[in-house]
Structure formats: structure tokens, C-alpha cells
């Protein structure tokens, strides 16, 4: 799931289209929402703003 999650940050992680193709997940998919919420909670708890920010964008 984390590979699909980080795909939005294409500049840092590579080509977003390739990442979508490799994982089979698309940015903003409703079925990922629960996982992204957990991911965001963990990132915030650990103080990792770099990962919390894309989670916030995903959940908007």
C-alpha cells in the first residue's frame, strides 16, 4: 500500500503513472482511505511531516 500512497509525490519517487501501473492502485481510490488514515496517524505520531502531508492531500 505504501508504494501506491507515495505515488503522488512523483518528483521524489519517480513517474506517477509508472507507479500506478506497477501497484494497480490509483491515487484517491476510496478502498485505500482506511489504510491512508492509519498511515497518516502513524506519520503524525512519529513526527514525519514528509509522509503526513501526502496523506492529508489524499484524504481531502
PDB file of N, CA and C in Angstrom:
ATOM      1  N   UNK A   1       0.820  -1.180   0.000  1.00  0.00           N
ATOM      2  CA  UNK A   1       0.000   0.000   0.000  1.00  0.00           C
ATOM      3  C   UNK A   1       0.870   1.251   0.000  1.00  0.00           C
ATOM      4  N   UNK A   2       1.971   1.234   0.699  1.00  0.00           N
ATOM      5  CA  UNK A   2       2.761   2.455   0.787  1.00  0.00           C
ATOM      6  C   UNK A   2       3.310   2.862  -0.574  1.00  0.00           C
ATOM      7  N   UNK A   3       3.593   1.901  -1.445  1.00  0.00           N
ATOM      8  CA  UNK A   3       4.066   2.266  -2.780  1.00  0.00           C
ATOM      9  C   UNK A   3       2.999   3.041  -3.522  1.00  0.00           C
ATOM     10  N   UNK A   4       1.750   2.639  -3.394  1.00  0.00           N
ATOM     11  CA  UNK A   4       0.655   3.369  -4.042  1.00  0.00           C
ATOM     12  C   UNK A   4       0.471   4.721  -3.397  1.00  0.00           C
ATOM     13  N   UNK A   5       0.634   4.782  -2.123  1.00  0.00           N
ATOM     14  CA  UNK A   5       0.421   6.018  -1.394  1.00  0.00           C
ATOM     15  C   UNK A   5       1.422   7.089  -1.800  1.00  0.00           C
ATOM     16  N   UNK A   6       2.673   6.749  -1.906  1.00  0.00           N
ATOM     17  CA  UNK A   6       3.692   7.751  -2.197  1.00  0.00           C
ATOM     18  C   UNK A   6       3.708   8.161  -3.655  1.00  0.00           C
ATOM     19  N   UNK A   7       2.897   7.561  -4.476  1.00  0.00           N
ATOM     20  CA  UNK A   7       2.924   7.879  -5.895  1.00  0.00           C
ATOM     21  C   UNK A   7       2.615   9.333  -6.197  1.00  0.00           C
ATOM     22  N   UNK A   8       1.843  10.024  -5.346  1.00  0.00           N
ATOM     23  CA  UNK A   8       1.515  11.404  -5.651  1.00  0.00           C
ATOM     24  C   UNK A   8       2.754  12.286  -5.675  1.00  0.00           C
ATOM     25  N   UNK A   9       3.738  11.962  -4.901  1.00  0.00           N
ATOM     26  CA  UNK A   9       4.958  12.759  -4.855  1.00  0.00           C
ATOM     27  C   UNK A   9       5.895  12.312  -5.968  1.00  0.00           C
ATOM     28  N   UNK A  10       5.438  12.443  -7.199  1.00  0.00           N
ATOM     29  CA  UNK A  10       6.166  11.948  -8.361  1.00  0.00           C
ATOM     30  C   UNK A  10       7.567  12.512  -8.501  1.00  0.00           C
ATOM     31  N   UNK A  11       7.769  13.766  -8.120  1.00  0.00           N
ATOM     32  CA  UNK A  11       9.093  14.363  -8.238  1.00  0.00           C
ATOM     33  C   UNK A  11      10.128  13.635  -7.406  1.00  0.00           C
ATOM     34  N   UNK A  12       9.729  13.141  -6.265  1.00  0.00           N
ATOM     35  CA  UNK A  12      10.676  12.471  -5.381  1.00  0.00           C
ATOM     36  C   UNK A  12      10.716  10.968  -5.597  1.00  0.00           C
ATOM     37  N   UNK A  13       9.644  10.392  -6.116  1.00  0.00           N
ATOM     38  CA  UNK A  13       9.540   8.937  -6.173  1.00  0.00           C
ATOM     39  C   UNK A  13       9.539   8.367  -7.581  1.00  0.00           C
ATOM     40  N   UNK A  14       9.603   9.199  -8.592  1.00  0.00           N
ATOM     41  CA  UNK A  14       9.587   8.700  -9.952  1.00  0.00           C
ATOM     42  C   UNK A  14       8.293   9.063 -10.654  1.00  0.00           C
ATOM     43  N   UNK A  15       8.075   8.452 -11.776  1.00  0.00           N
ATOM     44  CA  UNK A  15       6.913   8.740 -12.606  1.00  0.00           C
ATOM     45  C   UNK A  15       5.636   8.178 -11.996  1.00  0.00           C
ATOM     46  N   UNK A  16       4.668   9.041 -11.649  1.00  0.00           N
ATOM     47  CA  UNK A  16       3.431   8.566 -11.006  1.00  0.00           C
ATOM     48  C   UNK A  16       2.674   7.534 -11.833  1.00  0.00           C
ATOM     49  N   UNK A  17       2.642   7.706 -13.148  1.00  0.00           N
ATOM     50  CA  UNK A  17       1.948   6.741 -13.998  1.00  0.00           C
ATOM     51  C   UNK A  17       2.561   5.353 -13.901  1.00  0.00           C
ATOM     52  N   UNK A  18       3.872   5.291 -13.864  1.00  0.00           N
ATOM     53  CA  UNK A  18       4.555   4.003 -13.736  1.00  0.00           C
ATOM     54  C   UNK A  18       4.260   3.360 -12.396  1.00  0.00           C
ATOM     55  N   UNK A  19       4.216   4.174 -11.346  1.00  0.00           N
ATOM     56  CA  UNK A  19       3.942   3.637 -10.016  1.00  0.00           C
ATOM     57  C   UNK A  19       2.508   3.113  -9.959  1.00  0.00           C
ATOM     58  N   UNK A  20       1.563   3.841 -10.568  1.00  0.00           N
ATOM     59  CA  UNK A  20       0.181   3.364 -10.613  1.00  0.00           C
ATOM     60  C   UNK A  20       0.104   2.035 -11.342  1.00  0.00           C
ATOM     61  N   UNK A  21       0.783   1.945 -12.461  1.00  0.00           N
ATOM     62  CA  UNK A  21       0.773   0.704 -13.235  1.00  0.00           C
ATOM     63  C   UNK A  21       1.390  -0.452 -12.456  1.00  0.00           C
ATOM     64  N   UNK A  22       2.464  -0.173 -11.741  1.00  0.00           N
ATOM     65  CA  UNK A  22       3.165  -1.225 -11.003  1.00  0.00           C
ATOM     66  C   UNK A  22       2.356  -1.742  -9.819  1.00  0.00           C
ATOM     67  N   UNK A  23       1.585  -0.862  -9.170  1.00  0.00           N
ATOM     68  CA  UNK A  23       0.862  -1.281  -7.973  1.00  0.00           C
ATOM     69  C   UNK A  23      -0.575  -1.698  -8.256  1.00  0.00           C
ATOM     70  N   UNK A  24      -1.161  -1.170  -9.336  1.00  0.00           N
ATOM     71  CA  UNK A  24      -2.561  -1.442  -9.619  1.00  0.00           C
ATOM     72  C   UNK A  24      -3.511  -0.542  -8.842  1.00  0.00           C
ATOM     73  N   UNK A  25      -2.964   0.369  -8.045  1.00  0.00           N
ATOM     74  CA  UNK A  25      -3.771   1.312  -7.283  1.00  0.00           C
ATOM     75  C   UNK A  25      -3.702   2.684  -7.939  1.00  0.00           C
ATOM     76  N   UNK A  26      -4.772   3.441  -7.805  1.00  0.00           N
ATOM     77  CA  UNK A  26      -4.820   4.785  -8.356  1.00  0.00           C
ATOM     78  C   UNK A  26      -4.996   5.778  -7.221  1.00  0.00           C
ATOM     79  N   UNK A  27      -4.378   6.957  -7.380  1.00  0.00           N
ATOM     80  CA  UNK A  27      -4.427   7.975  -6.345  1.00  0.00           C
ATOM     81  C   UNK A  27      -5.868   8.361  -6.059  1.00  0.00           C
ATOM     82  N   UNK A  28      -6.215   8.368  -4.785  1.00  0.00           N
ATOM     83  CA  UNK A  28      -7.544   8.785  -4.365  1.00  0.00           C
ATOM     84  C   UNK A  28      -8.577   7.668  -4.302  1.00  0.00           C
ATOM     85  N   UNK A  29      -8.169   6.432  -4.585  1.00  0.00           N
ATOM     86  CA  UNK A  29      -9.131   5.322  -4.546  1.00  0.00           C
ATOM     87  C   UNK A  29      -9.752   5.200  -3.162  1.00  0.00           C
ATOM     88  N   UNK A  30     -11.053   5.106  -3.156  1.00  0.00           N
ATOM     89  CA  UNK A  30     -11.801   5.034  -1.899  1.00  0.00           C
ATOM     90  C   UNK A  30     -11.411   3.806  -1.066  1.00  0.00           C
ATOM     91  N   UNK A  31     -11.093   2.712  -1.713  1.00  0.00           N
ATOM     92  CA  UNK A  31     -10.751   1.489  -0.973  1.00  0.00           C
ATOM     93  C   UNK A  31      -9.439   1.616  -0.202  1.00  0.00           C
ATOM     94  N   UNK A  32      -8.653   2.648  -0.498  1.00  0.00           N
ATOM     95  CA  UNK A  32      -7.394   2.861   0.220  1.00  0.00           C
ATOM     96  C   UNK A  32      -7.533   3.801   1.408  1.00  0.00           C
ATOM     97  N   UNK A  33      -8.672   4.451   1.532  1.00  0.00           N
ATOM     98  CA  UNK A  33      -8.853   5.500   2.546  1.00  0.00           C
ATOM     99  C   UNK A  33      -8.510   5.017   3.967  1.00  0.00           C
ATOM    100  N   UNK A  34      -9.009   3.854   4.357  1.00  0.00           N
ATOM    101  CA  UNK A  34      -8.742   3.324   5.697  1.00  0.00           C
ATOM    102  C   UNK A  34      -7.234   3.175   5.934  1.00  0.00           C
ATOM    103  N   UNK A  35      -6.533   2.658   4.948  1.00  0.00           N
ATOM    104  CA  UNK A  35      -5.098   2.441   5.092  1.00  0.00           C
ATOM    105  C   UNK A  35      -4.340   3.763   5.173  1.00  0.00           C
ATOM    106  N   UNK A  36      -4.772   4.725   4.369  1.00  0.00           N
ATOM    107  CA  UNK A  36      -4.110   6.029   4.374  1.00  0.00           C
ATOM    108  C   UNK A  36      -4.356   6.753   5.701  1.00  0.00           C
ATOM    109  N   UNK A  37      -5.538   6.592   6.262  1.00  0.00           N
ATOM    110  CA  UNK A  37      -5.797   7.186   7.581  1.00  0.00           C
ATOM    111  C   UNK A  37      -4.843   6.622   8.622  1.00  0.00           C
ATOM    112  N   UNK A  38      -4.648   5.311   8.606  1.00  0.00           N
ATOM    113  CA  UNK A  38      -3.706   4.678   9.547  1.00  0.00           C
ATOM    114  C   UNK A  38      -2.276   5.152   9.285  1.00  0.00           C
ATOM    115  N   UNK A  39      -1.934   5.257   8.008  1.00  0.00           N
ATOM    116  CA  UNK A  39      -0.609   5.710   7.601  1.00  0.00           C
ATOM    117  C   UNK A  39      -0.371   7.130   8.114  1.00  0.00           C
ATOM    118  N   UNK A  40      -1.374   8.006   7.953  1.00  0.00           N
ATOM    119  CA  UNK A  40      -1.273   9.392   8.417  1.00  0.00           C
ATOM    120  C   UNK A  40      -1.119   9.448   9.931  1.00  0.00           C
ATOM    121  N   UNK A  41      -1.914   8.655  10.640  1.00  0.00           N
ATOM    122  CA  UNK A  41      -1.829   8.630  12.108  1.00  0.00           C
ATOM    123  C   UNK A  41      -0.426   8.256  12.560  1.00  0.00           C
ATOM    124  N   UNK A  42       0.140   7.239  11.922  1.00  0.00           N
ATOM    125  CA  UNK A  42       1.489   6.803  12.287  1.00  0.00           C
ATOM    126  C   UNK A  42       2.511   7.894  11.979  1.00  0.00           C
ATOM    127  N   UNK A  43       2.391   8.509  10.803  1.00  0.00           N
ATOM    128  CA  UNK A  43       3.331   9.558  10.408  1.00  0.00           C
ATOM    129  C   UNK A  43       3.262  10.727  11.391  1.00  0.00           C
ATOM    130  N   UNK A  44       2.060  11.105  11.781  1.00  0.00           N
ATOM    131  CA  UNK A  44       1.910  12.213  12.736  1.00  0.00           C
ATOM    132  C   UNK A  44       2.453  11.843  14.113  1.00  0.00           C
ATOM    133  N   UNK A  45       2.186  10.616  14.533  1.00  0.00           N
ATOM    134  CA  UNK A  45       2.674  10.147  15.839  1.00  0.00           C
ATOM    135  C   UNK A  45       4.201  10.151  15.879  1.00  0.00           C
ATOM    136  N   UNK A  46       4.823   9.793  14.751  1.00  0.00           N
ATOM    137  CA  UNK A  46       6.285   9.738  14.679  1.00  0.00           C
ATOM    138  C   UNK A  46       6.904  11.079  14.278  1.00  0.00           C
ATOM    139  N   UNK A  47       6.054  12.074  14.021  1.00  0.00           N
ATOM    140  CA  UNK A  47       6.562  13.388  13.652  1.00  0.00           C
ATOM    141  C   UNK A  47       7.131  13.459  12.247  1.00  0.00           C
ATOM    142  N   UNK A  48       6.680  12.581  11.365  1.00  0.00           N
ATOM    143  CA  UNK A  48       7.185  12.539   9.991  1.00  0.00           C
ATOM    144  C   UNK A  48       6.262  13.354   9.078  1.00  0.00           C
ATOM    145  N   UNK A  49       6.517  14.638   9.024  1.00  0.00           N
ATOM    146  CA  UNK A  49       5.687  15.553   8.232  1.00  0.00           C
ATOM    147  C   UNK A  49       5.756  15.238   6.738  1.00  0.00           C
ATOM    148  N   UNK A  50       6.900  14.720   6.285  1.00  0.00           N
ATOM    149  CA  UNK A  50       7.089  14.385   4.872  1.00  0.00           C
ATOM    150  C   UNK A  50       6.069  13.352   4.412  1.00  0.00           C
ATOM    151  N   UNK A  51       5.686  12.419   5.279  1.00  0.00           N
ATOM    152  CA  UNK A  51       4.688  11.412   4.928  1.00  0.00           C
ATOM    153  C   UNK A  51       3.282  11.824   5.330  1.00  0.00           C
ATOM    154  N   UNK A  52       3.153  12.662   6.338  1.00  0.00           N
ATOM    155  CA  UNK A  52       1.826  13.104   6.771  1.00  0.00           C
ATOM    156  C   UNK A  52       1.181  14.011   5.729  1.00  0.00           C
ATOM    157  N   UNK A  53       1.965  14.850   5.070  1.00  0.00           N
ATOM    158  CA  UNK A  53       1.412  15.802   4.102  1.00  0.00           C
ATOM    159  C   UNK A  53       0.722  15.118   2.925  1.00  0.00           C
ATOM    160  N   UNK A  54       1.341  14.138   2.258  1.00  0.00           N
ATOM    161  CA  UNK A  54       0.624  13.500   1.160  1.00  0.00           C
ATOM    162  C   UNK A  54      -0.621  12.740   1.638  1.00  0.00           C
ATOM    163  N   UNK A  55      -0.587  12.239   2.861  1.00  0.00           N
ATOM    164  CA  UNK A  55      -1.773  11.569   3.407  1.00  0.00           C
ATOM    165  C   UNK A  55      -2.921  12.560   3.526  1.00  0.00           C
ATOM    166  N   UNK A  56      -2.607  13.759   3.987  1.00  0.00           N
ATOM    167  CA  UNK A  56      -3.640  14.808   4.082  1.00  0.00           C
ATOM    168  C   UNK A  56      -4.202  15.130   2.707  1.00  0.00           C
ATOM    169  N   UNK A  57      -3.340  15.231   1.709  1.00  0.00           N
ATOM    170  CA  UNK A  57      -3.808  15.515   0.343  1.00  0.00           C
ATOM    171  C   UNK A  57      -4.703  14.394  -0.161  1.00  0.00           C
ATOM    172  N   UNK A  58      -4.322  13.156   0.111  1.00  0.00           N
ATOM    173  CA  UNK A  58      -5.106  12.005  -0.331  1.00  0.00           C
ATOM    174  C   UNK A  58      -6.493  12.026   0.295  1.00  0.00           C
ATOM    175  N   UNK A  59      -6.573  12.380   1.560  1.00  0.00           N
ATOM    176  CA  UNK A  59      -7.838  12.302   2.308  1.00  0.00           C
ATOM    177  C   UNK A  59      -8.770  13.488   2.069  1.00  0.00           C
ATOM    178  N   UNK A  60      -8.339  14.506   1.349  1.00  0.00           N
ATOM    179  CA  UNK A  60      -9.216  15.654   1.061  1.00  0.00           C
ATOM    180  C   UNK A  60     -10.313  15.296   0.116  1.00  0.00           C
TER     181      UNK A  60
END
